[in-house]
Amino acid sequence: MTFFTPVAEIITSCSLQLQWPSKFFPRMLLLNYLGKIGPKTPLMAAATFSVGWNTFACSESLEKPLNWLLFNYYLTTCLQSSVNKHRHMFVKQVDMDHVMKAKSIREFDKRFTSVMFGYRTIDDYYTDASPNRRLKSVGIPVLCLNSVDDVFSPSHAIPIETAKQNPNVALVLTSYGGHIGFLEGIWPRQSTYMDRVFKQFVQAMVEHGHELS
């Protein structure tokens, strides 16, 4: 077993094949997988950055007027463009004309994503996609870095109390950093805080991971 165990088998074994929104996919999928399988995973440790913990709260934050204008609408058009390229593959399952009229990620998910993956309602899909529900069951060391000013993952939805109850989880919160930002200094041209924390975490696991087994 190594820290860099191939994850293809892990990803394909997880029933949550698509998470919301697509840019959150690897992080949310990883945490849901770890929470679902517990200590039985072949992974030695894991790290996530700027994960969306509660899909409902993420959606609500991105639907605020300014956030919708700056982020939500653009991301919705990107999702529509991605699926429209393969429109012929989906026409039997969903109303693609209705999908292309979506004005938000939530509308897109209601009309396309939840339908394609067999969820009865979008609420069922969003509940299943939210990794905060499974954090208590994570069975290996996990570093989770979030910023409280991240509009994609609002601070009130970060599962601080749940993280405190699981000794395997290190939840690191910064006052600033945005979404996958974590820049440092007046002229942030070097590595970011995220880079430094990740390097330290990997080094610690490589050098001392055996002490945890």
N, C-alpha and C. Protein backbone atom coordinates (compact mmCIF):
# COMPACT_ATOMS: atom_id res chain seq x y z
N MET A 1 0.85 -1.19 0.00
CA MET A 1 0.00 0.00 0.00
C MET A 1 0.89 1.25 0.00
N THR A 2 0.56 2.21 -0.83
CA THR A 2 1.31 3.46 -0.86
C THR A 2 0.34 4.63 -0.77
N PHE A 3 0.91 5.81 -0.51
CA PHE A 3 0.06 7.00 -0.41
C PHE A 3 -0.61 7.28 -1.74
N PHE A 4 0.06 6.93 -2.84
CA PHE A 4 -0.44 7.24 -4.17
C PHE A 4 -1.07 6.03 -4.83
N THR A 5 -1.85 5.29 -4.08
CA THR A 5 -2.58 4.15 -4.62
C THR A 5 -3.46 4.58 -5.79
N PRO A 6 -3.43 3.87 -6.93
CA PRO A 6 -4.31 4.24 -8.05
C PRO A 6 -5.76 4.28 -7.61
N VAL A 7 -6.52 5.26 -8.10
CA VAL A 7 -7.88 5.45 -7.61
C VAL A 7 -8.95 5.08 -8.63
N ALA A 8 -8.57 4.56 -9.79
CA ALA A 8 -9.57 4.24 -10.81
C ALA A 8 -10.59 3.25 -10.28
N GLU A 9 -10.11 2.21 -9.57
CA GLU A 9 -11.03 1.21 -9.03
C GLU A 9 -11.92 1.81 -7.97
N ILE A 10 -11.36 2.74 -7.18
CA ILE A 10 -12.13 3.38 -6.13
C ILE A 10 -13.27 4.20 -6.72
N ILE A 11 -12.95 4.97 -7.74
CA ILE A 11 -13.95 5.83 -8.36
C ILE A 11 -15.07 5.03 -8.98
N THR A 12 -14.71 3.97 -9.68
CA THR A 12 -15.74 3.18 -10.36
C THR A 12 -16.58 2.38 -9.37
N SER A 13 -16.04 2.13 -8.18
CA SER A 13 -16.79 1.35 -7.20
C SER A 13 -17.79 2.19 -6.43
N CYS A 14 -17.69 3.52 -6.56
CA CYS A 14 -18.55 4.40 -5.80
C CYS A 14 -19.83 4.67 -6.57
N SER A 15 -20.96 4.55 -5.88
CA SER A 15 -22.24 4.72 -6.55
C SER A 15 -22.54 6.18 -6.89
N LEU A 16 -21.86 7.13 -6.23
CA LEU A 16 -22.09 8.55 -6.50
C LEU A 16 -21.20 8.95 -7.67
N GLN A 17 -21.65 8.72 -8.86
CA GLN A 17 -20.79 8.87 -10.02
C GLN A 17 -20.62 10.32 -10.47
N LEU A 18 -21.53 11.19 -10.12
CA LEU A 18 -21.43 12.57 -10.55
C LEU A 18 -21.87 13.47 -9.41
N GLN A 19 -21.03 14.45 -9.07
CA GLN A 19 -21.35 15.32 -7.96
C GLN A 19 -21.62 16.74 -8.45
N TRP A 20 -22.04 17.57 -7.55
CA TRP A 20 -22.48 18.92 -7.91
C TRP A 20 -21.57 19.95 -7.32
N PRO A 21 -21.27 21.10 -8.04
CA PRO A 21 -21.29 21.09 -9.48
C PRO A 21 -20.08 20.34 -10.00
N SER A 22 -19.86 20.29 -11.30
CA SER A 22 -18.82 19.41 -11.85
C SER A 22 -17.44 19.74 -11.32
N LYS A 23 -17.18 21.01 -10.97
CA LYS A 23 -15.85 21.37 -10.49
C LYS A 23 -15.61 20.83 -9.08
N PHE A 24 -16.67 20.48 -8.34
CA PHE A 24 -16.53 19.89 -7.03
C PHE A 24 -16.36 18.39 -7.10
N PHE A 25 -16.57 17.82 -8.25
CA PHE A 25 -16.70 16.38 -8.41
C PHE A 25 -15.62 15.56 -7.70
N PRO A 26 -14.32 15.80 -7.95
CA PRO A 26 -13.32 14.91 -7.33
C PRO A 26 -13.34 14.98 -5.81
N ARG A 27 -13.49 16.18 -5.26
CA ARG A 27 -13.42 16.34 -3.81
C ARG A 27 -14.64 15.74 -3.11
N MET A 28 -15.81 16.02 -3.62
CA MET A 28 -17.03 15.50 -3.01
C MET A 28 -17.11 13.99 -3.18
N LEU A 29 -16.71 13.51 -4.33
CA LEU A 29 -16.73 12.07 -4.59
C LEU A 29 -15.78 11.35 -3.64
N LEU A 30 -14.59 11.93 -3.45
CA LEU A 30 -13.60 11.30 -2.57
C LEU A 30 -14.12 11.21 -1.13
N LEU A 31 -14.67 12.28 -0.62
CA LEU A 31 -15.16 12.27 0.76
C LEU A 31 -16.37 11.34 0.92
N ASN A 32 -17.24 11.33 -0.06
CA ASN A 32 -18.38 10.41 0.01
C ASN A 32 -17.92 8.96 -0.03
N TYR A 33 -16.93 8.70 -0.85
CA TYR A 33 -16.37 7.35 -0.92
C TYR A 33 -15.75 6.95 0.42
N LEU A 34 -14.94 7.83 0.98
CA LEU A 34 -14.26 7.52 2.24
C LEU A 34 -15.26 7.32 3.37
N GLY A 35 -16.31 8.14 3.39
CA GLY A 35 -17.32 7.99 4.41
C GLY A 35 -18.14 6.73 4.25
N LYS A 36 -18.28 6.30 3.02
CA LYS A 36 -19.08 5.11 2.73
C LYS A 36 -18.31 3.82 3.06
N ILE A 37 -17.02 3.81 2.76
CA ILE A 37 -16.25 2.58 2.91
C ILE A 37 -15.52 2.50 4.25
N GLY A 38 -15.35 3.64 4.92
CA GLY A 38 -14.69 3.64 6.23
C GLY A 38 -13.22 3.26 6.15
N PRO A 39 -12.72 2.48 7.10
CA PRO A 39 -11.29 2.13 7.13
C PRO A 39 -10.89 1.05 6.13
N LYS A 40 -11.82 0.53 5.37
CA LYS A 40 -11.52 -0.56 4.44
C LYS A 40 -10.87 -0.08 3.14
N THR A 41 -10.74 1.22 2.96
CA THR A 41 -10.14 1.76 1.74
C THR A 41 -8.66 1.39 1.62
N PRO A 42 -8.15 1.16 0.41
CA PRO A 42 -6.72 0.92 0.23
C PRO A 42 -5.89 2.20 0.36
N LEU A 43 -6.54 3.34 0.40
CA LEU A 43 -5.81 4.59 0.56
C LEU A 43 -5.24 4.71 1.97
N MET A 44 -4.08 5.33 2.05
CA MET A 44 -3.43 5.53 3.34
C MET A 44 -3.89 6.84 3.98
N ALA A 45 -4.17 7.84 3.16
CA ALA A 45 -4.62 9.15 3.63
C ALA A 45 -5.21 9.90 2.45
N ALA A 46 -5.82 11.04 2.73
CA ALA A 46 -6.41 11.84 1.65
C ALA A 46 -6.46 13.30 2.07
N ALA A 47 -6.61 14.18 1.08
CA ALA A 47 -6.72 15.62 1.36
C ALA A 47 -7.72 16.23 0.38
N THR A 48 -8.49 17.19 0.89
CA THR A 48 -9.43 17.92 0.03
C THR A 48 -9.27 19.41 0.27
N PHE A 49 -9.59 20.19 -0.75
CA PHE A 49 -9.46 21.64 -0.66
C PHE A 49 -10.72 22.31 -1.21
N SER A 50 -11.30 23.19 -0.42
CA SER A 50 -12.48 23.96 -0.84
C SER A 50 -13.65 23.08 -1.25
N VAL A 51 -13.85 22.00 -0.53
CA VAL A 51 -14.95 21.10 -0.87
C VAL A 51 -16.29 21.75 -0.51
N GLY A 52 -17.31 21.42 -1.28
CA GLY A 52 -18.67 21.85 -0.95
C GLY A 52 -19.30 20.81 -0.03
N TRP A 53 -19.52 21.16 1.22
CA TRP A 53 -19.96 20.18 2.21
C TRP A 53 -21.45 19.86 2.14
N ASN A 54 -22.24 20.88 1.90
CA ASN A 54 -23.69 20.71 1.86
C ASN A 54 -24.20 21.29 0.54
N THR A 55 -24.67 20.42 -0.32
CA THR A 55 -25.05 20.85 -1.66
C THR A 55 -26.19 21.85 -1.64
N PHE A 56 -27.10 21.71 -0.73
CA PHE A 56 -28.20 22.67 -0.62
C PHE A 56 -27.66 24.07 -0.29
N ALA A 57 -26.75 24.14 0.69
CA ALA A 57 -26.19 25.42 1.09
C ALA A 57 -25.34 26.02 -0.01
N CYS A 58 -24.60 25.18 -0.72
CA CYS A 58 -23.79 25.66 -1.85
C CYS A 58 -24.69 26.29 -2.91
N SER A 59 -25.77 25.61 -3.21
CA SER A 59 -26.70 26.10 -4.23
C SER A 59 -27.32 27.42 -3.81
N GLU A 60 -27.75 27.49 -2.55
CA GLU A 60 -28.36 28.72 -2.06
C GLU A 60 -27.38 29.89 -2.10
N SER A 61 -26.14 29.64 -1.77
CA SER A 61 -25.12 30.69 -1.80
C SER A 61 -24.90 31.19 -3.23
N LEU A 62 -24.83 30.27 -4.16
CA LEU A 62 -24.58 30.64 -5.56
C LEU A 62 -25.79 31.26 -6.23
N GLU A 63 -26.94 31.19 -5.59
CA GLU A 63 -28.14 31.79 -6.16
C GLU A 63 -28.40 33.20 -5.64
N LYS A 64 -27.53 33.67 -4.75
CA LYS A 64 -27.62 35.07 -4.35
C LYS A 64 -27.30 35.93 -5.57
N PRO A 65 -27.96 37.07 -5.73
CA PRO A 65 -27.86 37.85 -6.98
C PRO A 65 -26.45 38.05 -7.52
N LEU A 66 -25.53 38.53 -6.69
CA LEU A 66 -24.18 38.79 -7.19
C LEU A 66 -23.47 37.50 -7.54
N ASN A 67 -23.59 36.47 -6.71
CA ASN A 67 -22.95 35.20 -6.99
C ASN A 67 -23.53 34.53 -8.23
N TRP A 68 -24.84 34.69 -8.43
CA TRP A 68 -25.46 34.15 -9.64
C TRP A 68 -24.88 34.82 -10.86
N LEU A 69 -24.72 36.13 -10.78
CA LEU A 69 -24.20 36.89 -11.92
C LEU A 69 -22.74 36.56 -12.21
N LEU A 70 -21.93 36.41 -11.17
CA LEU A 70 -20.50 36.19 -11.34
C LEU A 70 -20.15 34.73 -11.62
N PHE A 71 -20.89 33.81 -11.04
CA PHE A 71 -20.48 32.41 -11.11
C PHE A 71 -21.56 31.46 -11.63
N ASN A 72 -22.74 31.52 -11.04
CA ASN A 72 -23.76 30.50 -11.28
C ASN A 72 -24.18 30.40 -12.74
N TYR A 73 -24.51 31.53 -13.31
CA TYR A 73 -25.01 31.51 -14.68
C TYR A 73 -23.94 31.00 -15.64
N TYR A 74 -22.70 31.46 -15.44
CA TYR A 74 -21.61 31.02 -16.32
C TYR A 74 -21.38 29.51 -16.20
N LEU A 75 -21.34 29.01 -14.98
CA LEU A 75 -21.14 27.58 -14.78
C LEU A 75 -22.29 26.76 -15.38
N THR A 76 -23.49 27.32 -15.30
CA THR A 76 -24.64 26.64 -15.89
C THR A 76 -24.48 26.52 -17.40
N THR A 77 -24.04 27.59 -18.03
CA THR A 77 -23.84 27.53 -19.49
C THR A 77 -22.73 26.55 -19.86
N CYS A 78 -21.72 26.43 -19.00
CA CYS A 78 -20.65 25.46 -19.26
C CYS A 78 -21.19 24.03 -19.19
N LEU A 79 -22.02 23.76 -18.20
CA LEU A 79 -22.62 22.44 -18.08
C LEU A 79 -23.51 22.14 -19.28
N GLN A 80 -24.28 23.13 -19.69
CA GLN A 80 -25.16 22.94 -20.85
C GLN A 80 -24.36 22.68 -22.11
N SER A 81 -23.27 23.41 -22.27
CA SER A 81 -22.42 23.21 -23.45
C SER A 81 -21.82 21.81 -23.47
N SER A 82 -21.44 21.32 -22.29
CA SER A 82 -20.84 19.99 -22.21
C SER A 82 -21.80 18.90 -22.63
N VAL A 83 -23.04 18.97 -22.15
CA VAL A 83 -24.00 17.91 -22.47
C VAL A 83 -24.59 18.10 -23.86
N ASN A 84 -24.63 19.33 -24.33
CA ASN A 84 -25.23 19.57 -25.65
C ASN A 84 -24.36 19.00 -26.76
N LYS A 85 -23.06 18.85 -26.49
CA LYS A 85 -22.16 18.25 -27.49
C LYS A 85 -22.53 16.80 -27.76
N HIS A 86 -23.15 16.18 -26.78
CA HIS A 86 -23.55 14.77 -26.91
C HIS A 86 -25.06 14.62 -26.78
N ARG A 87 -25.75 15.61 -27.27
CA ARG A 87 -27.20 15.69 -27.14
C ARG A 87 -27.91 14.41 -27.57
N HIS A 88 -27.42 13.80 -28.63
CA HIS A 88 -28.08 12.61 -29.18
C HIS A 88 -28.08 11.44 -28.20
N MET A 89 -27.16 11.47 -27.22
CA MET A 89 -27.07 10.38 -26.26
C MET A 89 -28.11 10.50 -25.14
N PHE A 90 -28.67 11.71 -24.97
CA PHE A 90 -29.54 11.95 -23.83
C PHE A 90 -31.01 12.17 -24.17
N VAL A 91 -31.32 12.32 -25.46
CA VAL A 91 -32.67 12.73 -25.83
C VAL A 91 -33.76 11.75 -25.41
N LYS A 92 -33.39 10.48 -25.23
CA LYS A 92 -34.39 9.50 -24.83
C LYS A 92 -34.66 9.54 -23.32
N GLN A 93 -33.72 10.10 -22.56
CA GLN A 93 -33.87 10.13 -21.10
C GLN A 93 -34.39 11.46 -20.58
N VAL A 94 -34.00 12.56 -21.22
CA VAL A 94 -34.37 13.88 -20.71
C VAL A 94 -34.85 14.79 -21.84
N ASP A 95 -35.54 15.83 -21.46
CA ASP A 95 -35.98 16.85 -22.42
C ASP A 95 -34.84 17.85 -22.58
N MET A 96 -34.04 17.68 -23.61
CA MET A 96 -32.84 18.50 -23.77
C MET A 96 -33.17 19.96 -24.03
N ASP A 97 -34.28 20.24 -24.67
CA ASP A 97 -34.67 21.63 -24.88
C ASP A 97 -34.93 22.31 -23.54
N HIS A 98 -35.55 21.58 -22.62
CA HIS A 98 -35.82 22.11 -21.29
C HIS A 98 -34.52 22.29 -20.51
N VAL A 99 -33.59 21.35 -20.68
CA VAL A 99 -32.29 21.44 -20.02
C VAL A 99 -31.54 22.68 -20.48
N MET A 100 -31.60 22.98 -21.76
CA MET A 100 -30.85 24.11 -22.31
C MET A 100 -31.45 25.46 -21.91
N LYS A 101 -32.63 25.44 -21.31
CA LYS A 101 -33.26 26.69 -20.85
C LYS A 101 -32.98 26.95 -19.37
N ALA A 102 -32.24 26.07 -18.72
CA ALA A 102 -31.93 26.24 -17.30
C ALA A 102 -31.11 27.51 -17.09
N LYS A 103 -31.42 28.24 -16.03
CA LYS A 103 -30.73 29.49 -15.73
C LYS A 103 -29.84 29.38 -14.49
N SER A 104 -29.80 28.22 -13.88
CA SER A 104 -28.98 28.03 -12.69
C SER A 104 -28.54 26.57 -12.61
N ILE A 105 -27.53 26.32 -11.78
CA ILE A 105 -27.05 24.95 -11.60
C ILE A 105 -28.15 24.08 -11.02
N ARG A 106 -28.91 24.63 -10.10
CA ARG A 106 -30.00 23.86 -9.50
C ARG A 106 -31.02 23.44 -10.56
N GLU A 107 -31.39 24.35 -11.45
CA GLU A 107 -32.34 24.02 -12.51
C GLU A 107 -31.75 22.97 -13.44
N PHE A 108 -30.46 23.10 -13.75
CA PHE A 108 -29.79 22.11 -14.60
C PHE A 108 -29.81 20.74 -13.95
N ASP A 109 -29.49 20.71 -12.66
CA ASP A 109 -29.47 19.43 -11.95
C ASP A 109 -30.85 18.81 -11.86
N LYS A 110 -31.87 19.64 -11.68
CA LYS A 110 -33.23 19.13 -11.59
C LYS A 110 -33.67 18.53 -12.92
N ARG A 111 -33.28 19.17 -14.01
CA ARG A 111 -33.74 18.74 -15.33
C ARG A 111 -32.85 17.68 -15.97
N PHE A 112 -31.57 17.64 -15.56
CA PHE A 112 -30.65 16.72 -16.23
C PHE A 112 -29.96 15.75 -15.27
N THR A 113 -29.12 16.27 -14.37
CA THR A 113 -28.25 15.40 -13.57
C THR A 113 -29.03 14.40 -12.73
N SER A 114 -29.99 14.88 -11.97
CA SER A 114 -30.74 13.98 -11.10
C SER A 114 -31.51 12.94 -11.89
N VAL A 115 -32.01 13.33 -13.05
CA VAL A 115 -32.76 12.40 -13.90
C VAL A 115 -31.84 11.33 -14.47
N MET A 116 -30.68 11.76 -14.98
CA MET A 116 -29.75 10.82 -15.61
C MET A 116 -29.22 9.78 -14.63
N PHE A 117 -29.12 10.15 -13.37
CA PHE A 117 -28.57 9.21 -12.39
C PHE A 117 -29.65 8.56 -11.53
N GLY A 118 -30.89 8.66 -11.97
CA GLY A 118 -31.94 7.86 -11.39
C GLY A 118 -32.48 8.31 -10.05
N TYR A 119 -32.27 9.58 -9.70
CA TYR A 119 -32.83 10.08 -8.45
C TYR A 119 -34.29 10.47 -8.63
N ARG A 120 -35.07 10.20 -7.62
CA ARG A 120 -36.50 10.50 -7.70
C ARG A 120 -36.75 12.01 -7.73
N THR A 121 -35.99 12.74 -6.94
CA THR A 121 -36.11 14.20 -6.90
C THR A 121 -34.73 14.82 -6.80
N ILE A 122 -34.66 16.12 -7.05
CA ILE A 122 -33.38 16.80 -6.91
C ILE A 122 -32.96 16.86 -5.45
N ASP A 123 -33.91 16.88 -4.53
CA ASP A 123 -33.56 16.86 -3.11
C ASP A 123 -32.87 15.55 -2.74
N ASP A 124 -33.34 14.44 -3.31
CA ASP A 124 -32.68 13.16 -3.06
C ASP A 124 -31.24 13.19 -3.58
N TYR A 125 -31.07 13.77 -4.74
CA TYR A 125 -29.74 13.86 -5.35
C TYR A 125 -28.82 14.74 -4.52
N TYR A 126 -29.29 15.91 -4.11
CA TYR A 126 -28.46 16.83 -3.34
C TYR A 126 -28.12 16.25 -1.96
N THR A 127 -29.05 15.54 -1.38
CA THR A 127 -28.78 14.90 -0.09
C THR A 127 -27.69 13.84 -0.23
N ASP A 128 -27.79 13.05 -1.26
CA ASP A 128 -26.82 11.99 -1.50
C ASP A 128 -25.45 12.54 -1.85
N ALA A 129 -25.41 13.70 -2.48
CA ALA A 129 -24.15 14.28 -2.93
C ALA A 129 -23.40 15.04 -1.85
N SER A 130 -24.04 15.33 -0.72
CA SER A 130 -23.44 16.15 0.32
C SER A 130 -22.53 15.32 1.22
N PRO A 131 -21.22 15.56 1.21
CA PRO A 131 -20.31 14.73 2.01
C PRO A 131 -20.37 14.98 3.51
N ASN A 132 -21.01 16.04 3.96
CA ASN A 132 -21.09 16.27 5.40
C ASN A 132 -21.80 15.13 6.12
N ARG A 133 -22.67 14.42 5.43
CA ARG A 133 -23.42 13.31 6.02
C ARG A 133 -22.53 12.11 6.34
N ARG A 134 -21.42 11.98 5.65
CA ARG A 134 -20.57 10.79 5.80
C ARG A 134 -19.24 11.07 6.49
N LEU A 135 -18.99 12.31 6.85
CA LEU A 135 -17.69 12.66 7.43
C LEU A 135 -17.41 11.88 8.71
N LYS A 136 -18.43 11.60 9.50
CA LYS A 136 -18.24 10.91 10.78
C LYS A 136 -17.73 9.48 10.59
N SER A 137 -17.90 8.94 9.37
CA SER A 137 -17.52 7.55 9.13
C SER A 137 -16.18 7.40 8.43
N VAL A 138 -15.49 8.50 8.15
CA VAL A 138 -14.18 8.44 7.49
C VAL A 138 -13.21 7.71 8.41
N GLY A 139 -12.49 6.72 7.86
CA GLY A 139 -11.66 5.86 8.70
C GLY A 139 -10.17 5.98 8.48
N ILE A 140 -9.71 6.94 7.69
CA ILE A 140 -8.29 7.18 7.48
C ILE A 140 -8.00 8.67 7.70
N PRO A 141 -6.73 9.05 7.90
CA PRO A 141 -6.40 10.47 8.07
C PRO A 141 -6.80 11.29 6.84
N VAL A 142 -7.56 12.34 7.07
CA VAL A 142 -8.00 13.21 5.98
C VAL A 142 -7.78 14.67 6.39
N LEU A 143 -7.13 15.41 5.53
CA LEU A 143 -6.96 16.84 5.71
C LEU A 143 -7.97 17.57 4.85
N CYS A 144 -8.76 18.45 5.44
CA CYS A 144 -9.77 19.21 4.72
C CYS A 144 -9.51 20.70 4.94
N LEU A 145 -9.13 21.39 3.87
CA LEU A 145 -8.84 22.83 3.96
C LEU A 145 -9.97 23.61 3.30
N ASN A 146 -10.57 24.51 4.07
CA ASN A 146 -11.64 25.38 3.56
C ASN A 146 -11.41 26.81 4.01
N SER A 147 -11.92 27.74 3.24
CA SER A 147 -11.90 29.15 3.63
C SER A 147 -13.32 29.58 3.97
N VAL A 148 -13.48 30.37 5.03
CA VAL A 148 -14.81 30.78 5.44
C VAL A 148 -15.40 31.85 4.53
N ASP A 149 -14.59 32.39 3.60
CA ASP A 149 -15.13 33.38 2.66
C ASP A 149 -15.36 32.78 1.27
N ASP A 150 -15.47 31.45 1.21
CA ASP A 150 -15.70 30.74 -0.05
C ASP A 150 -17.19 30.73 -0.38
N VAL A 151 -17.59 31.43 -1.43
CA VAL A 151 -19.02 31.49 -1.78
C VAL A 151 -19.53 30.16 -2.30
N PHE A 152 -18.63 29.30 -2.76
CA PHE A 152 -19.04 27.98 -3.24
C PHE A 152 -19.30 27.01 -2.08
N SER A 153 -18.75 27.31 -0.92
CA SER A 153 -18.92 26.46 0.24
C SER A 153 -19.09 27.34 1.48
N PRO A 154 -20.29 27.86 1.72
CA PRO A 154 -20.52 28.82 2.80
C PRO A 154 -20.15 28.27 4.16
N SER A 155 -19.62 29.17 4.99
CA SER A 155 -19.04 28.76 6.27
C SER A 155 -20.06 28.10 7.21
N HIS A 156 -21.32 28.54 7.15
CA HIS A 156 -22.30 27.97 8.09
C HIS A 156 -22.61 26.51 7.80
N ALA A 157 -22.21 26.03 6.61
CA ALA A 157 -22.49 24.64 6.24
C ALA A 157 -21.28 23.73 6.44
N ILE A 158 -20.16 24.28 6.90
CA ILE A 158 -18.98 23.46 7.15
C ILE A 158 -19.20 22.65 8.43
N PRO A 159 -19.04 21.34 8.38
CA PRO A 159 -19.38 20.47 9.53
C PRO A 159 -18.31 20.46 10.61
N ILE A 160 -18.15 21.57 11.29
CA ILE A 160 -17.09 21.70 12.28
C ILE A 160 -17.27 20.72 13.44
N GLU A 161 -18.47 20.63 13.97
CA GLU A 161 -18.71 19.75 15.12
C GLU A 161 -18.52 18.28 14.75
N THR A 162 -18.94 17.92 13.56
CA THR A 162 -18.75 16.53 13.11
C THR A 162 -17.28 16.20 12.98
N ALA A 163 -16.50 17.16 12.44
CA ALA A 163 -15.06 16.95 12.29
C ALA A 163 -14.38 16.78 13.65
N LYS A 164 -14.85 17.53 14.64
CA LYS A 164 -14.28 17.42 15.99
C LYS A 164 -14.48 16.03 16.58
N GLN A 165 -15.53 15.36 16.18
CA GLN A 165 -15.87 14.06 16.75
C GLN A 165 -15.16 12.90 16.06
N ASN A 166 -14.46 13.18 14.96
CA ASN A 166 -13.74 12.14 14.24
C ASN A 166 -12.24 12.42 14.31
N PRO A 167 -11.47 11.63 15.04
CA PRO A 167 -10.03 11.86 15.18
C PRO A 167 -9.25 11.69 13.89
N ASN A 168 -9.86 11.13 12.88
CA ASN A 168 -9.19 10.96 11.59
C ASN A 168 -9.24 12.22 10.73
N VAL A 169 -10.07 13.17 11.10
CA VAL A 169 -10.30 14.34 10.26
C VAL A 169 -9.61 15.58 10.84
N ALA A 170 -8.81 16.23 10.02
CA ALA A 170 -8.21 17.52 10.37
C ALA A 170 -8.86 18.57 9.47
N LEU A 171 -9.75 19.35 10.04
CA LEU A 171 -10.45 20.39 9.29
C LEU A 171 -9.77 21.72 9.57
N VAL A 172 -9.14 22.28 8.54
CA VAL A 172 -8.40 23.53 8.67
C VAL A 172 -9.19 24.65 7.99
N LEU A 173 -9.50 25.71 8.75
CA LEU A 173 -10.28 26.82 8.22
C LEU A 173 -9.44 28.09 8.24
N THR A 174 -9.49 28.83 7.14
CA THR A 174 -8.81 30.12 7.05
C THR A 174 -9.85 31.23 6.91
N SER A 175 -9.49 32.43 7.35
CA SER A 175 -10.42 33.56 7.25
C SER A 175 -10.59 34.00 5.81
N TYR A 176 -9.52 33.89 5.04
CA TYR A 176 -9.55 34.29 3.63
C TYR A 176 -8.93 33.19 2.79
N GLY A 177 -9.21 33.25 1.51
CA GLY A 177 -8.68 32.22 0.61
C GLY A 177 -9.59 31.94 -0.55
N GLY A 178 -10.89 32.29 -0.37
CA GLY A 178 -11.82 32.08 -1.47
C GLY A 178 -11.95 30.62 -1.84
N HIS A 179 -12.18 30.38 -3.09
CA HIS A 179 -12.35 29.02 -3.60
C HIS A 179 -11.09 28.60 -4.35
N ILE A 180 -10.35 27.67 -3.75
CA ILE A 180 -9.07 27.21 -4.32
C ILE A 180 -8.15 28.40 -4.58
N GLY A 181 -8.07 29.31 -3.62
CA GLY A 181 -7.19 30.47 -3.76
C GLY A 181 -6.02 30.35 -2.81
N PHE A 182 -6.24 30.77 -1.56
CA PHE A 182 -5.24 30.66 -0.51
C PHE A 182 -3.91 31.31 -0.88
N LEU A 183 -3.99 32.46 -1.57
CA LEU A 183 -2.77 33.17 -1.96
C LEU A 183 -2.15 33.85 -0.75
N GLU A 184 -0.84 34.06 -0.82
CA GLU A 184 -0.12 34.67 0.29
C GLU A 184 0.77 35.80 -0.21
N GLY A 185 0.96 36.81 0.63
CA GLY A 185 1.88 37.89 0.32
C GLY A 185 1.27 38.97 -0.57
N ILE A 186 1.99 40.07 -0.69
CA ILE A 186 1.54 41.19 -1.51
C ILE A 186 1.55 40.81 -2.98
N TRP A 187 2.59 40.11 -3.39
CA TRP A 187 2.69 39.64 -4.77
C TRP A 187 2.75 38.12 -4.75
N PRO A 188 1.61 37.47 -4.78
CA PRO A 188 1.55 36.00 -4.63
C PRO A 188 2.00 35.26 -5.88
N ARG A 189 3.31 35.22 -6.06
CA ARG A 189 3.86 34.55 -7.24
C ARG A 189 4.44 33.17 -6.91
N GLN A 190 4.62 32.90 -5.64
CA GLN A 190 5.21 31.63 -5.24
C GLN A 190 4.09 30.64 -4.90
N SER A 191 4.44 29.58 -4.20
CA SER A 191 3.45 28.58 -3.82
C SER A 191 2.45 29.19 -2.84
N THR A 192 1.26 28.66 -2.84
CA THR A 192 0.19 29.16 -1.98
C THR A 192 0.20 28.45 -0.64
N TYR A 193 -0.63 28.93 0.27
CA TYR A 193 -0.80 28.27 1.56
C TYR A 193 -1.29 26.85 1.36
N MET A 194 -2.15 26.66 0.40
CA MET A 194 -2.66 25.33 0.09
C MET A 194 -1.52 24.39 -0.31
N ASP A 195 -0.61 24.89 -1.13
CA ASP A 195 0.53 24.08 -1.55
C ASP A 195 1.39 23.66 -0.35
N ARG A 196 1.65 24.62 0.53
CA ARG A 196 2.51 24.35 1.68
C ARG A 196 1.87 23.34 2.62
N VAL A 197 0.57 23.51 2.89
CA VAL A 197 -0.12 22.59 3.78
C VAL A 197 -0.15 21.17 3.19
N PHE A 198 -0.42 21.09 1.90
CA PHE A 198 -0.47 19.78 1.26
C PHE A 198 0.90 19.09 1.31
N LYS A 199 1.96 19.85 1.04
CA LYS A 199 3.31 19.29 1.07
C LYS A 199 3.64 18.76 2.46
N GLN A 200 3.30 19.52 3.49
CA GLN A 200 3.56 19.09 4.86
C GLN A 200 2.76 17.85 5.22
N PHE A 201 1.53 17.81 4.75
CA PHE A 201 0.66 16.66 5.04
C PHE A 201 1.19 15.40 4.38
N VAL A 202 1.57 15.49 3.11
CA VAL A 202 2.11 14.33 2.41
C VAL A 202 3.40 13.87 3.05
N GLN A 203 4.28 14.81 3.39
CA GLN A 203 5.54 14.45 4.02
C GLN A 203 5.31 13.74 5.36
N ALA A 204 4.37 14.24 6.14
CA ALA A 204 4.06 13.62 7.42
C ALA A 204 3.52 12.21 7.25
N MET A 205 2.67 12.01 6.24
CA MET A 205 2.10 10.69 6.02
C MET A 205 3.15 9.71 5.51
N VAL A 206 4.05 10.18 4.65
CA VAL A 206 5.11 9.30 4.13
C VAL A 206 6.07 8.90 5.24
N GLU A 207 6.40 9.86 6.12
CA GLU A 207 7.39 9.60 7.16
C GLU A 207 6.81 8.93 8.40
N HIS A 208 5.54 9.23 8.70
CA HIS A 208 4.97 8.73 9.95
C HIS A 208 3.67 7.96 9.78
N GLY A 209 3.25 7.75 8.55
CA GLY A 209 1.98 7.06 8.32
C GLY A 209 1.93 5.68 8.94
N HIS A 210 3.07 5.00 8.99
CA HIS A 210 3.11 3.64 9.54
C HIS A 210 2.76 3.63 11.03
N GLU A 211 2.92 4.77 11.68
CA GLU A 211 2.63 4.84 13.11
C GLU A 211 1.13 4.81 13.37
N LEU A 212 0.34 5.07 12.35
CA LEU A 212 -1.12 5.14 12.51
C LEU A 212 -1.78 3.78 12.31
N SER A 213 -1.05 2.84 11.73
CA SER A 213 -1.65 1.53 11.44
C SER A 213 -1.67 0.63 12.66
